[in-house]
Amino acid sequence: MEIKNEPKISANQETEIQAILIQNRQAVRDVDFMHVEILKQDGTVAAPMEEAINEGNGIYSFSARFKEDGLYYIRIHAGNEGSLISPRKQIIVGHLTDAEIESLKQGPKNQESSSGHHH
């Protein structure tokens, strides 16, 4: 997944985010469904799952409001031709704490475990 418009995100501000879903190095132009979930760095849900809007040409958009500064993950749950695609993208909202900056230096943790609430 790529974030097309990668906005500077501030806490407590409605932000429009456009994502391009990539599979096999190609933009996925048509999916059966695409839901977006926003998680905090610690894995807690920051925003409940919502459906993304298909803008055409492989671009999907959604609005998000982040309650506080920090490190977040956008996780996509998309169905395409019978397969489930669940990419994750790290984003920064506002200013990071020293601990969050240190976490960035260490690289992403592998949190690909299934939470069991897939559609």
PDB file of N, CA and C in Angstrom:
ATOM      1  N   MET A   1       0.837  -1.168   0.000  1.00  0.00           N
ATOM      2  CA  MET A   1       0.000   0.000   0.000  1.00  0.00           C
ATOM      3  C   MET A   1       0.886   1.236   0.000  1.00  0.00           C
ATOM      4  N   GLU A   2       0.484   2.215  -0.755  1.00  0.00           N
ATOM      5  CA  GLU A   2       1.163   3.510  -0.747  1.00  0.00           C
ATOM      6  C   GLU A   2       0.148   4.572  -0.370  1.00  0.00           C
ATOM      7  N   ILE A   3       0.606   5.573   0.374  1.00  0.00           N
ATOM      8  CA  ILE A   3      -0.247   6.718   0.670  1.00  0.00           C
ATOM      9  C   ILE A   3       0.025   7.748  -0.416  1.00  0.00           C
ATOM     10  N   LYS A   4      -0.983   8.066  -1.195  1.00  0.00           N
ATOM     11  CA  LYS A   4      -0.797   8.921  -2.371  1.00  0.00           C
ATOM     12  C   LYS A   4      -0.515  10.361  -1.973  1.00  0.00           C
ATOM     13  N   ASN A   5      -1.299  10.907  -1.037  1.00  0.00           N
ATOM     14  CA  ASN A   5      -1.159  12.325  -0.725  1.00  0.00           C
ATOM     15  C   ASN A   5      -0.363  12.602   0.536  1.00  0.00           C
ATOM     16  N   GLU A   6       0.031  11.555   1.268  1.00  0.00           N
ATOM     17  CA  GLU A   6       0.858  11.627   2.492  1.00  0.00           C
ATOM     18  C   GLU A   6       0.801  13.017   3.152  1.00  0.00           C
ATOM     19  N   PRO A   7      -0.362  13.363   3.701  1.00  0.00           N
ATOM     20  CA  PRO A   7      -0.503  14.699   4.280  1.00  0.00           C
ATOM     21  C   PRO A   7       0.275  14.839   5.576  1.00  0.00           C
ATOM     22  N   LYS A   8       0.597  16.080   5.938  1.00  0.00           N
ATOM     23  CA  LYS A   8       1.132  16.336   7.282  1.00  0.00           C
ATOM     24  C   LYS A   8      -0.072  16.233   8.194  1.00  0.00           C
ATOM     25  N   ILE A   9      -0.031  15.306   9.109  1.00  0.00           N
ATOM     26  CA  ILE A   9      -1.202  15.011   9.924  1.00  0.00           C
ATOM     27  C   ILE A   9      -1.033  15.609  11.312  1.00  0.00           C
ATOM     28  N   SER A  10      -2.069  16.306  11.748  1.00  0.00           N
ATOM     29  CA  SER A  10      -2.090  16.878  13.090  1.00  0.00           C
ATOM     30  C   SER A  10      -3.191  16.192  13.886  1.00  0.00           C
ATOM     31  N   ALA A  11      -2.982  16.111  15.197  1.00  0.00           N
ATOM     32  CA  ALA A  11      -3.981  15.511  16.075  1.00  0.00           C
ATOM     33  C   ALA A  11      -5.243  16.370  16.090  1.00  0.00           C
ATOM     34  N   ASN A  12      -6.377  15.716  16.301  1.00  0.00           N
ATOM     35  CA  ASN A  12      -7.681  16.358  16.414  1.00  0.00           C
ATOM     36  C   ASN A  12      -8.092  17.163  15.195  1.00  0.00           C
ATOM     37  N   GLN A  13      -7.638  16.730  14.036  1.00  0.00           N
ATOM     38  CA  GLN A  13      -8.007  17.381  12.789  1.00  0.00           C
ATOM     39  C   GLN A  13      -8.468  16.320  11.803  1.00  0.00           C
ATOM     40  N   GLU A  14      -9.611  16.535  11.168  1.00  0.00           N
ATOM     41  CA  GLU A  14     -10.091  15.592  10.158  1.00  0.00           C
ATOM     42  C   GLU A  14      -9.111  15.607   8.982  1.00  0.00           C
ATOM     43  N   THR A  15      -8.629  14.450   8.581  1.00  0.00           N
ATOM     44  CA  THR A  15      -7.633  14.347   7.516  1.00  0.00           C
ATOM     45  C   THR A  15      -8.120  13.385   6.449  1.00  0.00           C
ATOM     46  N   GLU A  16      -8.094  13.826   5.202  1.00  0.00           N
ATOM     47  CA  GLU A  16      -8.441  12.971   4.068  1.00  0.00           C
ATOM     48  C   GLU A  16      -7.168  12.267   3.619  1.00  0.00           C
ATOM     49  N   ILE A  17      -7.208  10.944   3.571  1.00  0.00           N
ATOM     50  CA  ILE A  17      -6.041  10.158   3.171  1.00  0.00           C
ATOM     51  C   ILE A  17      -6.409   9.356   1.931  1.00  0.00           C
ATOM     52  N   GLN A  18      -5.526   9.368   0.944  1.00  0.00           N
ATOM     53  CA  GLN A  18      -5.729   8.587  -0.269  1.00  0.00           C
ATOM     54  C   GLN A  18      -4.671   7.493  -0.312  1.00  0.00           C
ATOM     55  N   ALA A  19      -5.132   6.267  -0.524  1.00  0.00           N
ATOM     56  CA  ALA A  19      -4.230   5.117  -0.555  1.00  0.00           C
ATOM     57  C   ALA A  19      -4.328   4.413  -1.902  1.00  0.00           C
ATOM     58  N   ILE A  20      -3.207   3.875  -2.338  1.00  0.00           N
ATOM     59  CA  ILE A  20      -3.168   3.046  -3.536  1.00  0.00           C
ATOM     60  C   ILE A  20      -2.810   1.641  -3.079  1.00  0.00           C
ATOM     61  N   LEU A  21      -3.683   0.704  -3.334  1.00  0.00           N
ATOM     62  CA  LEU A  21      -3.453  -0.686  -2.950  1.00  0.00           C
ATOM     63  C   LEU A  21      -2.622  -1.351  -4.042  1.00  0.00           C
ATOM     64  N   ILE A  22      -1.496  -1.942  -3.643  1.00  0.00           N
ATOM     65  CA  ILE A  22      -0.567  -2.562  -4.594  1.00  0.00           C
ATOM     66  C   ILE A  22      -0.533  -4.072  -4.355  1.00  0.00           C
ATOM     67  N   GLN A  23      -0.657  -4.826  -5.429  1.00  0.00           N
ATOM     68  CA  GLN A  23      -0.493  -6.282  -5.358  1.00  0.00           C
ATOM     69  C   GLN A  23       0.287  -6.705  -6.595  1.00  0.00           C
ATOM     70  N   ASN A  24       1.337  -7.490  -6.393  1.00  0.00           N
ATOM     71  CA  ASN A  24       2.220  -7.915  -7.489  1.00  0.00           C
ATOM     72  C   ASN A  24       2.734  -6.711  -8.287  1.00  0.00           C
ATOM     73  N   ARG A  25       3.128  -5.666  -7.572  1.00  0.00           N
ATOM     74  CA  ARG A  25       3.693  -4.432  -8.127  1.00  0.00           C
ATOM     75  C   ARG A  25       2.749  -3.671  -9.062  1.00  0.00           C
ATOM     76  N   GLN A  26       1.450  -3.953  -8.952  1.00  0.00           N
ATOM     77  CA  GLN A  26       0.445  -3.270  -9.768  1.00  0.00           C
ATOM     78  C   GLN A  26      -0.626  -2.679  -8.845  1.00  0.00           C
ATOM     79  N   ALA A  27      -1.161  -1.528  -9.247  1.00  0.00           N
ATOM     80  CA  ALA A  27      -2.282  -0.954  -8.493  1.00  0.00           C
ATOM     81  C   ALA A  27      -3.493  -1.860  -8.685  1.00  0.00           C
ATOM     82  N   VAL A  28      -4.184  -2.146  -7.576  1.00  0.00           N
ATOM     83  CA  VAL A  28      -5.405  -2.949  -7.635  1.00  0.00           C
ATOM     84  C   VAL A  28      -6.552  -1.974  -7.893  1.00  0.00           C
ATOM     85  N   ARG A  29      -7.105  -2.033  -9.087  1.00  0.00           N
ATOM     86  CA  ARG A  29      -8.099  -1.034  -9.497  1.00  0.00           C
ATOM     87  C   ARG A  29      -9.502  -1.335  -8.990  1.00  0.00           C
ATOM     88  N   ASP A  30      -9.801  -2.583  -8.737  1.00  0.00           N
ATOM     89  CA  ASP A  30     -11.164  -2.912  -8.321  1.00  0.00           C
ATOM     90  C   ASP A  30     -11.105  -4.029  -7.281  1.00  0.00           C
ATOM     91  N   VAL A  31     -11.592  -3.735  -6.099  1.00  0.00           N
ATOM     92  CA  VAL A  31     -11.643  -4.740  -5.047  1.00  0.00           C
ATOM     93  C   VAL A  31     -13.097  -5.008  -4.686  1.00  0.00           C
ATOM     94  N   ASP A  32     -13.343  -6.174  -4.112  1.00  0.00           N
ATOM     95  CA  ASP A  32     -14.698  -6.510  -3.688  1.00  0.00           C
ATOM     96  C   ASP A  32     -15.104  -5.661  -2.489  1.00  0.00           C
ATOM     97  N   PHE A  33     -14.159  -5.416  -1.592  1.00  0.00           N
ATOM     98  CA  PHE A  33     -14.384  -4.510  -0.459  1.00  0.00           C
ATOM     99  C   PHE A  33     -13.040  -3.995   0.015  1.00  0.00           C
ATOM    100  N   MET A  34     -13.058  -2.844   0.667  1.00  0.00           N
ATOM    101  CA  MET A  34     -11.828  -2.302   1.254  1.00  0.00           C
ATOM    102  C   MET A  34     -12.194  -1.546   2.519  1.00  0.00           C
ATOM    103  N   HIS A  35     -11.746  -2.092   3.637  1.00  0.00           N
ATOM    104  CA  HIS A  35     -11.970  -1.465   4.929  1.00  0.00           C
ATOM    105  C   HIS A  35     -10.640  -0.979   5.485  1.00  0.00           C
ATOM    106  N   VAL A  36     -10.706   0.102   6.232  1.00  0.00           N
ATOM    107  CA  VAL A  36      -9.516   0.728   6.796  1.00  0.00           C
ATOM    108  C   VAL A  36      -9.625   0.695   8.309  1.00  0.00           C
ATOM    109  N   GLU A  37      -8.528   0.323   8.958  1.00  0.00           N
ATOM    110  CA  GLU A  37      -8.460   0.289  10.417  1.00  0.00           C
ATOM    111  C   GLU A  37      -7.220   1.077  10.829  1.00  0.00           C
ATOM    112  N   ILE A  38      -7.351   1.901  11.858  1.00  0.00           N
ATOM    113  CA  ILE A  38      -6.211   2.681  12.331  1.00  0.00           C
ATOM    114  C   ILE A  38      -5.845   2.213  13.730  1.00  0.00           C
ATOM    115  N   LEU A  39      -4.565   1.830  13.880  1.00  0.00           N
ATOM    116  CA  LEU A  39      -4.057   1.304  15.148  1.00  0.00           C
ATOM    117  C   LEU A  39      -2.964   2.217  15.678  1.00  0.00           C
ATOM    118  N   LYS A  40      -2.896   2.324  16.998  1.00  0.00           N
ATOM    119  CA  LYS A  40      -1.764   3.022  17.596  1.00  0.00           C
ATOM    120  C   LYS A  40      -0.558   2.082  17.565  1.00  0.00           C
ATOM    121  N   GLN A  41       0.606   2.635  17.826  1.00  0.00           N
ATOM    122  CA  GLN A  41       1.830   1.837  17.789  1.00  0.00           C
ATOM    123  C   GLN A  41       1.754   0.619  18.706  1.00  0.00           C
ATOM    124  N   ASP A  42       1.086   0.770  19.848  1.00  0.00           N
ATOM    125  CA  ASP A  42       0.998  -0.345  20.807  1.00  0.00           C
ATOM    126  C   ASP A  42      -0.029  -1.397  20.398  1.00  0.00           C
ATOM    127  N   GLY A  43      -0.700  -1.190  19.247  1.00  0.00           N
ATOM    128  CA  GLY A  43      -1.644  -2.180  18.750  1.00  0.00           C
ATOM    129  C   GLY A  43      -3.088  -1.915  19.125  1.00  0.00           C
ATOM    130  N   THR A  44      -3.346  -0.918  19.979  1.00  0.00           N
ATOM    131  CA  THR A  44      -4.721  -0.609  20.333  1.00  0.00           C
ATOM    132  C   THR A  44      -5.404   0.094  19.161  1.00  0.00           C
ATOM    133  N   VAL A  45      -6.699  -0.109  19.049  1.00  0.00           N
ATOM    134  CA  VAL A  45      -7.463   0.476  17.945  1.00  0.00           C
ATOM    135  C   VAL A  45      -7.677   1.956  18.208  1.00  0.00           C
ATOM    136  N   ALA A  46      -7.234   2.793  17.270  1.00  0.00           N
ATOM    137  CA  ALA A  46      -7.401   4.244  17.392  1.00  0.00           C
ATOM    138  C   ALA A  46      -8.660   4.712  16.677  1.00  0.00           C
ATOM    139  N   ALA A  47      -9.082   3.989  15.668  1.00  0.00           N
ATOM    140  CA  ALA A  47     -10.310   4.305  14.943  1.00  0.00           C
ATOM    141  C   ALA A  47     -10.918   3.001  14.456  1.00  0.00           C
ATOM    142  N   PRO A  48     -12.226   2.834  14.637  1.00  0.00           N
ATOM    143  CA  PRO A  48     -12.853   1.587  14.201  1.00  0.00           C
ATOM    144  C   PRO A  48     -12.794   1.429  12.689  1.00  0.00           C
ATOM    145  N   MET A  49     -12.960   0.184  12.254  1.00  0.00           N
ATOM    146  CA  MET A  49     -12.873  -0.116  10.835  1.00  0.00           C
ATOM    147  C   MET A  49     -13.995   0.596  10.082  1.00  0.00           C
ATOM    148  N   GLU A  50     -13.637   1.198   8.939  1.00  0.00           N
ATOM    149  CA  GLU A  50     -14.633   1.831   8.094  1.00  0.00           C
ATOM    150  C   GLU A  50     -14.325   1.512   6.641  1.00  0.00           C
ATOM    151  N   GLU A  51     -15.319   1.655   5.799  1.00  0.00           N
ATOM    152  CA  GLU A  51     -15.145   1.348   4.385  1.00  0.00           C
ATOM    153  C   GLU A  51     -14.484   2.520   3.671  1.00  0.00           C
ATOM    154  N   ALA A  52     -13.530   2.215   2.799  1.00  0.00           N
ATOM    155  CA  ALA A  52     -12.872   3.240   1.996  1.00  0.00           C
ATOM    156  C   ALA A  52     -13.694   3.484   0.729  1.00  0.00           C
ATOM    157  N   ILE A  53     -13.547   4.668   0.157  1.00  0.00           N
ATOM    158  CA  ILE A  53     -14.266   5.050  -1.054  1.00  0.00           C
ATOM    159  C   ILE A  53     -13.360   4.808  -2.254  1.00  0.00           C
ATOM    160  N   ASN A  54     -13.882   4.109  -3.260  1.00  0.00           N
ATOM    161  CA  ASN A  54     -13.119   3.851  -4.482  1.00  0.00           C
ATOM    162  C   ASN A  54     -13.198   5.102  -5.355  1.00  0.00           C
ATOM    163  N   GLU A  55     -12.076   5.803  -5.479  1.00  0.00           N
ATOM    164  CA  GLU A  55     -12.021   7.040  -6.263  1.00  0.00           C
ATOM    165  C   GLU A  55     -11.725   6.759  -7.740  1.00  0.00           C
ATOM    166  N   GLY A  56     -11.405   5.510  -8.072  1.00  0.00           N
ATOM    167  CA  GLY A  56     -11.059   5.141  -9.444  1.00  0.00           C
ATOM    168  C   GLY A  56      -9.557   5.094  -9.635  1.00  0.00           C
ATOM    169  N   ASN A  57      -9.111   4.423 -10.673  1.00  0.00           N
ATOM    170  CA  ASN A  57      -7.686   4.286 -11.007  1.00  0.00           C
ATOM    171  C   ASN A  57      -6.857   3.707  -9.866  1.00  0.00           C
ATOM    172  N   GLY A  58      -7.458   2.860  -9.046  1.00  0.00           N
ATOM    173  CA  GLY A  58      -6.715   2.219  -7.967  1.00  0.00           C
ATOM    174  C   GLY A  58      -6.539   3.074  -6.721  1.00  0.00           C
ATOM    175  N   ILE A  59      -7.189   4.238  -6.677  1.00  0.00           N
ATOM    176  CA  ILE A  59      -7.064   5.138  -5.517  1.00  0.00           C
ATOM    177  C   ILE A  59      -8.302   4.988  -4.632  1.00  0.00           C
ATOM    178  N   TYR A  60      -8.055   4.808  -3.345  1.00  0.00           N
ATOM    179  CA  TYR A  60      -9.124   4.665  -2.358  1.00  0.00           C
ATOM    180  C   TYR A  60      -8.918   5.734  -1.292  1.00  0.00           C
ATOM    181  N   SER A  61     -10.002   6.365  -0.869  1.00  0.00           N
ATOM    182  CA  SER A  61      -9.849   7.437   0.109  1.00  0.00           C
ATOM    183  C   SER A  61     -10.696   7.170   1.351  1.00  0.00           C
ATOM    184  N   PHE A  62     -10.263   7.781   2.445  1.00  0.00           N
ATOM    185  CA  PHE A  62     -10.987   7.700   3.709  1.00  0.00           C
ATOM    186  C   PHE A  62     -10.579   8.893   4.559  1.00  0.00           C
ATOM    187  N   SER A  63     -11.436   9.219   5.512  1.00  0.00           N
ATOM    188  CA  SER A  63     -11.131  10.304   6.440  1.00  0.00           C
ATOM    189  C   SER A  63     -10.747   9.718   7.780  1.00  0.00           C
ATOM    190  N   ALA A  64      -9.843  10.393   8.455  1.00  0.00           N
ATOM    191  CA  ALA A  64      -9.399   9.925   9.771  1.00  0.00           C
ATOM    192  C   ALA A  64      -9.201  11.124  10.684  1.00  0.00           C
ATOM    193  N   ARG A  65      -9.454  10.900  11.959  1.00  0.00           N
ATOM    194  CA  ARG A  65      -9.174  11.907  12.978  1.00  0.00           C
ATOM    195  C   ARG A  65      -8.373  11.215  14.073  1.00  0.00           C
ATOM    196  N   PHE A  66      -7.172  11.703  14.312  1.00  0.00           N
ATOM    197  CA  PHE A  66      -6.286  11.117  15.313  1.00  0.00           C
ATOM    198  C   PHE A  66      -6.403  11.948  16.584  1.00  0.00           C
ATOM    199  N   LYS A  67      -6.671  11.296  17.711  1.00  0.00           N
ATOM    200  CA  LYS A  67      -6.921  12.015  18.957  1.00  0.00           C
ATOM    201  C   LYS A  67      -5.673  12.646  19.553  1.00  0.00           C
ATOM    202  N   GLU A  68      -4.503  12.041  19.262  1.00  0.00           N
ATOM    203  CA  GLU A  68      -3.276  12.571  19.867  1.00  0.00           C
ATOM    204  C   GLU A  68      -2.086  12.321  18.957  1.00  0.00           C
ATOM    205  N   ASP A  69      -1.013  13.057  19.199  1.00  0.00           N
ATOM    206  CA  ASP A  69       0.219  12.857  18.451  1.00  0.00           C
ATOM    207  C   ASP A  69       0.740  11.442  18.699  1.00  0.00           C
ATOM    208  N   GLY A  70       1.501  10.945  17.752  1.00  0.00           N
ATOM    209  CA  GLY A  70       2.119   9.639  17.963  1.00  0.00           C
ATOM    210  C   GLY A  70       2.332   8.877  16.673  1.00  0.00           C
ATOM    211  N   LEU A  71       2.740   7.642  16.847  1.00  0.00           N
ATOM    212  CA  LEU A  71       3.022   6.718  15.753  1.00  0.00           C
ATOM    213  C   LEU A  71       1.796   5.828  15.577  1.00  0.00           C
ATOM    214  N   TYR A  72       1.300   5.743  14.348  1.00  0.00           N
ATOM    215  CA  TYR A  72       0.100   4.963  14.050  1.00  0.00           C
ATOM    216  C   TYR A  72       0.361   4.049  12.864  1.00  0.00           C
ATOM    217  N   TYR A  73      -0.514   3.060  12.719  1.00  0.00           N
ATOM    218  CA  TYR A  73      -0.511   2.188  11.552  1.00  0.00           C
ATOM    219  C   TYR A  73      -1.880   2.258  10.899  1.00  0.00           C
ATOM    220  N   ILE A  74      -1.889   2.374   9.579  1.00  0.00           N
ATOM    221  CA  ILE A  74      -3.115   2.218   8.815  1.00  0.00           C
ATOM    222  C   ILE A  74      -3.076   0.798   8.284  1.00  0.00           C
ATOM    223  N   ARG A  75      -4.105   0.026   8.602  1.00  0.00           N
ATOM    224  CA  ARG A  75      -4.180  -1.345   8.100  1.00  0.00           C
ATOM    225  C   ARG A  75      -5.391  -1.439   7.179  1.00  0.00           C
ATOM    226  N   ILE A  76      -5.143  -1.955   6.002  1.00  0.00           N
ATOM    227  CA  ILE A  76      -6.185  -2.144   4.996  1.00  0.00           C
ATOM    228  C   ILE A  76      -6.626  -3.606   5.035  1.00  0.00           C
ATOM    229  N   HIS A  77      -7.920  -3.814   4.959  1.00  0.00           N
ATOM    230  CA  HIS A  77      -8.483  -5.156   4.807  1.00  0.00           C
ATOM    231  C   HIS A  77      -9.249  -5.119   3.485  1.00  0.00           C
ATOM    232  N   ALA A  78      -8.701  -5.738   2.450  1.00  0.00           N
ATOM    233  CA  ALA A  78      -9.325  -5.692   1.134  1.00  0.00           C
ATOM    234  C   ALA A  78      -9.512  -7.084   0.578  1.00  0.00           C
ATOM    235  N   GLY A  79     -10.645  -7.290  -0.063  1.00  0.00           N
ATOM    236  CA  GLY A  79     -10.926  -8.551  -0.728  1.00  0.00           C
ATOM    237  C   GLY A  79     -10.843  -8.366  -2.223  1.00  0.00           C
ATOM    238  N   ASN A  80     -10.093  -9.243  -2.872  1.00  0.00           N
ATOM    239  CA  ASN A  80      -9.919  -9.149  -4.311  1.00  0.00           C
ATOM    240  C   ASN A  80      -9.862 -10.552  -4.897  1.00  0.00           C
ATOM    241  N   GLU A  81     -10.844 -10.886  -5.716  1.00  0.00           N
ATOM    242  CA  GLU A  81     -10.900 -12.183  -6.390  1.00  0.00           C
ATOM    243  C   GLU A  81     -10.718 -13.352  -5.421  1.00  0.00           C
ATOM    244  N   GLY A  82     -11.393 -13.277  -4.294  1.00  0.00           N
ATOM    245  CA  GLY A  82     -11.379 -14.369  -3.335  1.00  0.00           C
ATOM    246  C   GLY A  82     -10.212 -14.374  -2.364  1.00  0.00           C
ATOM    247  N   SER A  83      -9.260 -13.447  -2.507  1.00  0.00           N
ATOM    248  CA  SER A  83      -8.150 -13.412  -1.556  1.00  0.00           C
ATOM    249  C   SER A  83      -8.254 -12.161  -0.691  1.00  0.00           C
ATOM    250  N   LEU A  84      -7.732 -12.259   0.514  1.00  0.00           N
ATOM    251  CA  LEU A  84      -7.732 -11.146   1.443  1.00  0.00           C
ATOM    252  C   LEU A  84      -6.345 -10.520   1.459  1.00  0.00           C
ATOM    253  N   ILE A  85      -6.304  -9.213   1.294  1.00  0.00           N
ATOM    254  CA  ILE A  85      -5.048  -8.466   1.315  1.00  0.00           C
ATOM    255  C   ILE A  85      -5.108  -7.565   2.544  1.00  0.00           C
ATOM    256  N   SER A  86      -4.069  -7.608   3.388  1.00  0.00           N
ATOM    257  CA  SER A  86      -4.073  -6.798   4.616  1.00  0.00           C
ATOM    258  C   SER A  86      -2.748  -6.065   4.815  1.00  0.00           C
ATOM    259  N   PRO A  87      -2.409  -5.142   3.923  1.00  0.00           N
ATOM    260  CA  PRO A  87      -1.156  -4.396   4.119  1.00  0.00           C
ATOM    261  C   PRO A  87      -1.282  -3.385   5.253  1.00  0.00           C
ATOM    262  N   ARG A  88      -0.135  -2.957   5.755  1.00  0.00           N
ATOM    263  CA  ARG A  88      -0.082  -2.006   6.868  1.00  0.00           C
ATOM    264  C   ARG A  88       0.937  -0.928   6.531  1.00  0.00           C
ATOM    265  N   LYS A  89       0.611   0.309   6.860  1.00  0.00           N
ATOM    266  CA  LYS A  89       1.517   1.437   6.589  1.00  0.00           C
ATOM    267  C   LYS A  89       1.648   2.269   7.863  1.00  0.00           C
ATOM    268  N   GLN A  90       2.883   2.597   8.208  1.00  0.00           N
ATOM    269  CA  GLN A  90       3.153   3.397   9.402  1.00  0.00           C
ATOM    270  C   GLN A  90       3.029   4.877   9.051  1.00  0.00           C
ATOM    271  N   ILE A  91       2.367   5.645   9.922  1.00  0.00           N
ATOM    272  CA  ILE A  91       2.266   7.091   9.708  1.00  0.00           C
ATOM    273  C   ILE A  91       2.578   7.816  11.012  1.00  0.00           C
ATOM    274  N   ILE A  92       2.991   9.061  10.873  1.00  0.00           N
ATOM    275  CA  ILE A  92       3.329   9.888  12.027  1.00  0.00           C
ATOM    276  C   ILE A  92       2.291  10.997  12.133  1.00  0.00           C
ATOM    277  N   VAL A  93       1.779  11.183  13.324  1.00  0.00           N
ATOM    278  CA  VAL A  93       0.832  12.264  13.589  1.00  0.00           C
ATOM    279  C   VAL A  93       1.492  13.229  14.561  1.00  0.00           C
ATOM    280  N   GLY A  94       1.620  14.493  14.144  1.00  0.00           N
ATOM    281  CA  GLY A  94       2.193  15.520  15.009  1.00  0.00           C
ATOM    282  C   GLY A  94       3.624  15.220  15.386  1.00  0.00           C
ATOM    283  N   HIS A  95       3.932  15.384  16.676  1.00  0.00           N
ATOM    284  CA  HIS A  95       5.290  15.190  17.190  1.00  0.00           C
ATOM    285  C   HIS A  95       5.401  13.865  17.919  1.00  0.00           C
ATOM    286  N   LEU A  96       6.553  13.231  17.794  1.00  0.00           N
ATOM    287  CA  LEU A  96       6.786  11.937  18.440  1.00  0.00           C
ATOM    288  C   LEU A  96       7.524  12.109  19.757  1.00  0.00           C
ATOM    289  N   THR A  97       7.272  11.179  20.665  1.00  0.00           N
ATOM    290  CA  THR A  97       8.024  11.135  21.923  1.00  0.00           C
ATOM    291  C   THR A  97       9.386  10.515  21.631  1.00  0.00           C
ATOM    292  N   ASP A  98      10.306  10.632  22.570  1.00  0.00           N
ATOM    293  CA  ASP A  98      11.631  10.011  22.411  1.00  0.00           C
ATOM    294  C   ASP A  98      11.504   8.497  22.217  1.00  0.00           C
ATOM    295  N   ALA A  99      10.572   7.877  22.951  1.00  0.00           N
ATOM    296  CA  ALA A  99      10.384   6.426  22.845  1.00  0.00           C
ATOM    297  C   ALA A  99       9.894   6.048  21.449  1.00  0.00           C
ATOM    298  N   GLU A 100       8.999   6.860  20.869  1.00  0.00           N
ATOM    299  CA  GLU A 100       8.497   6.573  19.527  1.00  0.00           C
ATOM    300  C   GLU A 100       9.591   6.763  18.473  1.00  0.00           C
ATOM    301  N   ILE A 101      10.420   7.784  18.662  1.00  0.00           N
ATOM    302  CA  ILE A 101      11.543   8.000  17.744  1.00  0.00           C
ATOM    303  C   ILE A 101      12.500   6.814  17.814  1.00  0.00           C
ATOM    304  N   GLU A 102      12.767   6.322  19.024  1.00  0.00           N
ATOM    305  CA  GLU A 102      13.634   5.154  19.201  1.00  0.00           C
ATOM    306  C   GLU A 102      13.024   3.932  18.514  1.00  0.00           C
ATOM    307  N   SER A 103      11.710   3.775  18.628  1.00  0.00           N
ATOM    308  CA  SER A 103      11.015   2.663  17.981  1.00  0.00           C
ATOM    309  C   SER A 103      11.174   2.736  16.465  1.00  0.00           C
ATOM    310  N   LEU A 104      11.115   3.944  15.897  1.00  0.00           N
ATOM    311  CA  LEU A 104      11.315   4.117  14.458  1.00  0.00           C
ATOM    312  C   LEU A 104      12.708   3.672  14.037  1.00  0.00           C
ATOM    313  N   LYS A 105      13.707   4.001  14.862  1.00  0.00           N
ATOM    314  CA  LYS A 105      15.094   3.630  14.553  1.00  0.00           C
ATOM    315  C   LYS A 105      15.270   2.120  14.535  1.00  0.00           C
ATOM    316  N   GLN A 106      14.519   1.425  15.407  1.00  0.00           N
ATOM    317  CA  GLN A 106      14.632  -0.029  15.500  1.00  0.00           C
ATOM    318  C   GLN A 106      13.899  -0.739  14.366  1.00  0.00           C
ATOM    319  N   GLY A 107      13.030  -0.032  13.666  1.00  0.00           N
ATOM    320  CA  GLY A 107      12.274  -0.627  12.571  1.00  0.00           C
ATOM    321  C   GLY A 107      10.970  -1.216  13.051  1.00  0.00           C
ATOM    322  N   PRO A 108      10.101  -1.538  12.105  1.00  0.00           N
ATOM    323  CA  PRO A 108       8.770  -2.036  12.474  1.00  0.00           C
ATOM    324  C   PRO A 108       8.832  -3.412  13.117  1.00  0.00           C
ATOM    325  N   LYS A 109       7.948  -3.607  14.086  1.00  0.00           N
ATOM    326  CA  LYS A 109       7.807  -4.923  14.708  1.00  0.00           C
ATOM    327  C   LYS A 109       6.892  -5.749  13.822  1.00  0.00           C
ATOM    328  N   ASN A 110       7.103  -7.015  13.795  1.00  0.00           N
ATOM    329  CA  ASN A 110       6.248  -7.885  13.004  1.00  0.00           C
ATOM    330  C   ASN A 110       5.012  -8.226  13.816  1.00  0.00           C
ATOM    331  N   GLN A 111       3.928  -7.540  13.506  1.00  0.00           N
ATOM    332  CA  GLN A 111       2.665  -7.766  14.221  1.00  0.00           C
ATOM    333  C   GLN A 111       1.623  -8.298  13.257  1.00  0.00           C
ATOM    334  N   GLU A 112       1.992  -9.262  12.477  1.00  0.00           N
ATOM    335  CA  GLU A 112       1.102  -9.763  11.441  1.00  0.00           C
ATOM    336  C   GLU A 112       0.156 -10.859  11.950  1.00  0.00           C
ATOM    337  N   SER A 113       0.044 -10.991  13.256  1.00  0.00           N
ATOM    338  CA  SER A 113      -0.836 -12.015  13.769  1.00  0.00           C
ATOM    339  C   SER A 113      -2.279 -11.650  13.470  1.00  0.00           C
ATOM    340  N   SER A 114      -3.093 -12.636  13.220  1.00  0.00           N
ATOM    341  CA  SER A 114      -4.487 -12.406  12.884  1.00  0.00           C
ATOM    342  C   SER A 114      -5.273 -12.137  14.154  1.00  0.00           C
ATOM    343  N   SER A 115      -6.135 -11.119  14.110  1.00  0.00           N
ATOM    344  CA  SER A 115      -6.940 -10.800  15.281  1.00  0.00           C
ATOM    345  C   SER A 115      -8.284 -11.497  15.234  1.00  0.00           C
ATOM    346  N   GLY A 116      -8.581 -12.197  14.151  1.00  0.00           N
ATOM    347  CA  GLY A 116      -9.768 -13.025  14.095  1.00  0.00           C
ATOM    348  C   GLY A 116     -11.059 -12.284  13.768  1.00  0.00           C
ATOM    349  N   HIS A 117     -11.014 -11.013  13.421  1.00  0.00           N
ATOM    350  CA  HIS A 117     -12.257 -10.315  13.114  1.00  0.00           C
ATOM    351  C   HIS A 117     -12.358  -9.931  11.642  1.00  0.00           C
ATOM    352  N   HIS A 118     -11.824 -10.770  10.781  1.00  0.00           N
ATOM    353  CA  HIS A 118     -11.886 -10.513   9.355  1.00  0.00           C
ATOM    354  C   HIS A 118     -13.283 -10.805   8.848  1.00  0.00           C
ATOM    355  N   HIS A 119     -13.620 -10.208   7.746  1.00  0.00           N
ATOM    356  CA  HIS A 119     -14.978 -10.329   7.193  1.00  0.00           C
ATOM    357  C   HIS A 119     -15.119 -11.542   6.304  1.00  0.00           C
TER     358      HIS A 119
END
